[in-house]
Amino acid sequence: MLACDAEILPAVLGSDGAILDLGTGTRLFTSNQRHAIGERDGHHCNFPDCEAPEKWCHAHHIIHWADGGPTNVGNGVLLCPSHHEMVHHDNWTVRMSTHGHPEYIPPPWTDPRQHPLRR
């Protein structure tokens, strides 16, 4: 009976067996993924000049999960509730730089050049 609703999900494991990538079948980041994102981003909100601690932050999909973005470390960033809301509701764009660090593109009414900001 349990097998009736089972799904096979692709998973990428770290060297210690921690799940680092769950594909698009799972929306929420695991605690191991959040920890790895925090290691990359300095254990605080990744938005420039914000020092909100990691434990207050939400794990945000850079490419939104609803748009097919995977739930993995490379597509995640930690944002405090204020910056998370700003990204979703004030037309900021988050992207991963070629160096593997998140960049924030302000809306044109904030910066007409839309110069990327980085931590």
C-alpha atoms as a PDB file:
ATOM      1  CA  MET A   1       0.000   0.000   0.000  1.00  0.00           C
ATOM      2  CA  LEU A   2       2.824   2.431   0.773  1.00  0.00           C
ATOM      3  CA  ALA A   3       4.297   1.858  -2.665  1.00  0.00           C
ATOM      4  CA  CYS A   4       1.138   3.167  -4.387  1.00  0.00           C
ATOM      5  CA  ASP A   5       2.094   6.788  -3.743  1.00  0.00           C
ATOM      6  CA  ALA A   6       5.851   6.367  -3.872  1.00  0.00           C
ATOM      7  CA  GLU A   7       7.950   8.500  -6.164  1.00  0.00           C
ATOM      8  CA  ILE A   8      11.518   7.999  -7.255  1.00  0.00           C
ATOM      9  CA  LEU A   9      13.447  11.197  -6.718  1.00  0.00           C
ATOM     10  CA  PRO A  10      16.939  11.815  -8.062  1.00  0.00           C
ATOM     11  CA  ALA A  11      19.311  12.695  -5.244  1.00  0.00           C
ATOM     12  CA  VAL A  12      22.943  13.799  -5.225  1.00  0.00           C
ATOM     13  CA  LEU A  13      24.790  12.927  -2.041  1.00  0.00           C
ATOM     14  CA  GLY A  14      27.841  14.575  -0.530  1.00  0.00           C
ATOM     15  CA  SER A  15      30.856  12.536   0.575  1.00  0.00           C
ATOM     16  CA  ASP A  16      29.272  12.079   4.020  1.00  0.00           C
ATOM     17  CA  GLY A  17      25.954  10.902   2.549  1.00  0.00           C
ATOM     18  CA  ALA A  18      24.187  14.244   3.063  1.00  0.00           C
ATOM     19  CA  ILE A  19      21.595  15.054   0.406  1.00  0.00           C
ATOM     20  CA  LEU A  20      22.777  18.060  -1.615  1.00  0.00           C
ATOM     21  CA  ASP A  21      20.441  17.917  -4.639  1.00  0.00           C
ATOM     22  CA  LEU A  22      16.852  16.681  -4.736  1.00  0.00           C
ATOM     23  CA  GLY A  23      15.989  17.722  -8.287  1.00  0.00           C
ATOM     24  CA  THR A  24      12.615  19.384  -8.802  1.00  0.00           C
ATOM     25  CA  GLY A  25      10.527  16.711  -7.060  1.00  0.00           C
ATOM     26  CA  THR A  26      11.037  18.294  -3.634  1.00  0.00           C
ATOM     27  CA  ARG A  27      10.481  21.988  -2.885  1.00  0.00           C
ATOM     28  CA  LEU A  28      11.924  22.426   0.608  1.00  0.00           C
ATOM     29  CA  PHE A  29      15.667  22.486   1.215  1.00  0.00           C
ATOM     30  CA  THR A  30      17.010  19.906   3.677  1.00  0.00           C
ATOM     31  CA  SER A  31      18.964  20.960   6.762  1.00  0.00           C
ATOM     32  CA  ASN A  32      22.152  19.648   5.088  1.00  0.00           C
ATOM     33  CA  GLN A  33      21.493  21.776   2.013  1.00  0.00           C
ATOM     34  CA  ARG A  34      20.797  24.849   4.175  1.00  0.00           C
ATOM     35  CA  HIS A  35      24.053  24.212   6.043  1.00  0.00           C
ATOM     36  CA  ALA A  36      26.025  23.927   2.777  1.00  0.00           C
ATOM     37  CA  ILE A  37      24.432  27.150   1.472  1.00  0.00           C
ATOM     38  CA  GLY A  38      25.304  28.836   4.776  1.00  0.00           C
ATOM     39  CA  GLU A  39      28.918  27.653   4.496  1.00  0.00           C
ATOM     40  CA  ARG A  40      29.152  29.168   1.025  1.00  0.00           C
ATOM     41  CA  ASP A  41      27.442  32.420   1.987  1.00  0.00           C
ATOM     42  CA  GLY A  42      29.018  33.114   5.391  1.00  0.00           C
ATOM     43  CA  HIS A  43      26.250  31.929   7.756  1.00  0.00           C
ATOM     44  CA  HIS A  44      24.025  34.994   7.385  1.00  0.00           C
ATOM     45  CA  CYS A  45      21.576  36.613   4.973  1.00  0.00           C
ATOM     46  CA  ASN A  46      23.375  36.809   1.656  1.00  0.00           C
ATOM     47  CA  PHE A  47      21.905  40.171   0.648  1.00  0.00           C
ATOM     48  CA  PRO A  48      24.627  42.865   0.576  1.00  0.00           C
ATOM     49  CA  ASP A  49      25.259  44.553   3.937  1.00  0.00           C
ATOM     50  CA  CYS A  50      22.758  42.381   5.839  1.00  0.00           C
ATOM     51  CA  GLU A  51      24.051  40.576   8.909  1.00  0.00           C
ATOM     52  CA  ALA A  52      20.891  38.650   9.869  1.00  0.00           C
ATOM     53  CA  PRO A  53      22.081  35.258  11.170  1.00  0.00           C
ATOM     54  CA  GLU A  54      21.564  32.066   9.198  1.00  0.00           C
ATOM     55  CA  LYS A  55      19.025  30.725  11.715  1.00  0.00           C
ATOM     56  CA  TRP A  56      16.657  33.627  10.906  1.00  0.00           C
ATOM     57  CA  CYS A  57      16.928  33.134   7.142  1.00  0.00           C
ATOM     58  CA  HIS A  58      14.769  31.411   4.564  1.00  0.00           C
ATOM     59  CA  ALA A  59      16.282  29.216   1.856  1.00  0.00           C
ATOM     60  CA  HIS A  60      15.270  30.848  -1.444  1.00  0.00           C
ATOM     61  CA  HIS A  61      15.320  29.185  -4.875  1.00  0.00           C
ATOM     62  CA  ILE A  62      17.262  31.429  -7.278  1.00  0.00           C
ATOM     63  CA  ILE A  63      15.363  29.881 -10.182  1.00  0.00           C
ATOM     64  CA  HIS A  64      11.947  29.545  -8.581  1.00  0.00           C
ATOM     65  CA  TRP A  65      10.834  25.989  -7.885  1.00  0.00           C
ATOM     66  CA  ALA A  66       7.485  26.694  -9.592  1.00  0.00           C
ATOM     67  CA  ASP A  67       9.447  27.573 -12.747  1.00  0.00           C
ATOM     68  CA  GLY A  68      11.355  24.277 -12.691  1.00  0.00           C
ATOM     69  CA  GLY A  69      14.248  25.398 -10.488  1.00  0.00           C
ATOM     70  CA  PRO A  70      15.954  22.508  -8.692  1.00  0.00           C
ATOM     71  CA  THR A  71      16.230  22.177  -4.940  1.00  0.00           C
ATOM     72  CA  ASN A  72      20.013  22.121  -4.690  1.00  0.00           C
ATOM     73  CA  VAL A  73      22.849  24.101  -3.150  1.00  0.00           C
ATOM     74  CA  GLY A  74      23.710  25.822  -6.434  1.00  0.00           C
ATOM     75  CA  ASN A  75      20.153  27.126  -6.780  1.00  0.00           C
ATOM     76  CA  GLY A  76      19.744  28.224  -3.173  1.00  0.00           C
ATOM     77  CA  VAL A  77      20.536  31.357  -1.218  1.00  0.00           C
ATOM     78  CA  LEU A  78      19.777  32.309   2.381  1.00  0.00           C
ATOM     79  CA  LEU A  79      17.744  35.503   2.751  1.00  0.00           C
ATOM     80  CA  CYS A  80      16.340  37.110   5.892  1.00  0.00           C
ATOM     81  CA  PRO A  81      12.542  37.511   5.856  1.00  0.00           C
ATOM     82  CA  SER A  82      12.806  41.189   4.876  1.00  0.00           C
ATOM     83  CA  HIS A  83      15.098  40.589   1.890  1.00  0.00           C
ATOM     84  CA  HIS A  84      13.210  37.437   0.897  1.00  0.00           C
ATOM     85  CA  GLU A  85       9.992  39.456   0.711  1.00  0.00           C
ATOM     86  CA  MET A  86      11.785  42.237  -1.176  1.00  0.00           C
ATOM     87  CA  VAL A  87      13.072  39.770  -3.798  1.00  0.00           C
ATOM     88  CA  HIS A  88       9.594  38.296  -4.297  1.00  0.00           C
ATOM     89  CA  HIS A  89       7.509  41.478  -4.200  1.00  0.00           C
ATOM     90  CA  ASP A  90       9.733  44.370  -5.327  1.00  0.00           C
ATOM     91  CA  ASN A  91      11.018  42.956  -8.638  1.00  0.00           C
ATOM     92  CA  TRP A  92      14.579  42.227  -7.594  1.00  0.00           C
ATOM     93  CA  THR A  93      16.258  39.425  -9.546  1.00  0.00           C
ATOM     94  CA  VAL A  94      18.712  36.957  -8.037  1.00  0.00           C
ATOM     95  CA  ARG A  95      21.168  35.101 -10.245  1.00  0.00           C
ATOM     96  CA  MET A  96      24.281  33.043  -9.705  1.00  0.00           C
ATOM     97  CA  SER A  97      27.467  34.719 -10.941  1.00  0.00           C
ATOM     98  CA  THR A  98      30.025  32.912 -13.061  1.00  0.00           C
ATOM     99  CA  HIS A  99      32.092  32.646  -9.851  1.00  0.00           C
ATOM    100  CA  GLY A 100      29.322  30.732  -8.057  1.00  0.00           C
ATOM    101  CA  HIS A 101      28.090  33.538  -5.799  1.00  0.00           C
ATOM    102  CA  PRO A 102      24.610  35.086  -5.783  1.00  0.00           C
ATOM    103  CA  GLU A 103      24.114  38.503  -7.369  1.00  0.00           C
ATOM    104  CA  TYR A 104      21.139  40.811  -6.889  1.00  0.00           C
ATOM    105  CA  ILE A 105      19.774  42.875  -9.776  1.00  0.00           C
ATOM    106  CA  PRO A 106      17.718  45.856  -8.590  1.00  0.00           C
ATOM    107  CA  PRO A 107      14.540  46.886 -10.383  1.00  0.00           C
ATOM    108  CA  PRO A 108      14.995  49.652 -12.978  1.00  0.00           C
ATOM    109  CA  TRP A 109      13.291  52.288 -10.821  1.00  0.00           C
ATOM    110  CA  THR A 110      15.933  51.687  -8.123  1.00  0.00           C
ATOM    111  CA  ASP A 111      18.903  51.558 -10.492  1.00  0.00           C
ATOM    112  CA  PRO A 112      18.225  52.290 -14.186  1.00  0.00           C
ATOM    113  CA  ARG A 113      21.520  50.540 -15.102  1.00  0.00           C
ATOM    114  CA  GLN A 114      20.504  47.505 -13.016  1.00  0.00           C
ATOM    115  CA  HIS A 115      24.079  47.035 -11.837  1.00  0.00           C
ATOM    116  CA  PRO A 116      24.437  43.662 -10.024  1.00  0.00           C
ATOM    117  CA  LEU A 117      25.100  43.828  -6.283  1.00  0.00           C
ATOM    118  CA  ARG A 118      27.131  41.176  -4.459  1.00  0.00           C
ATOM    119  CA  ARG A 119      27.984  40.409  -0.902  1.00  0.00           C
END
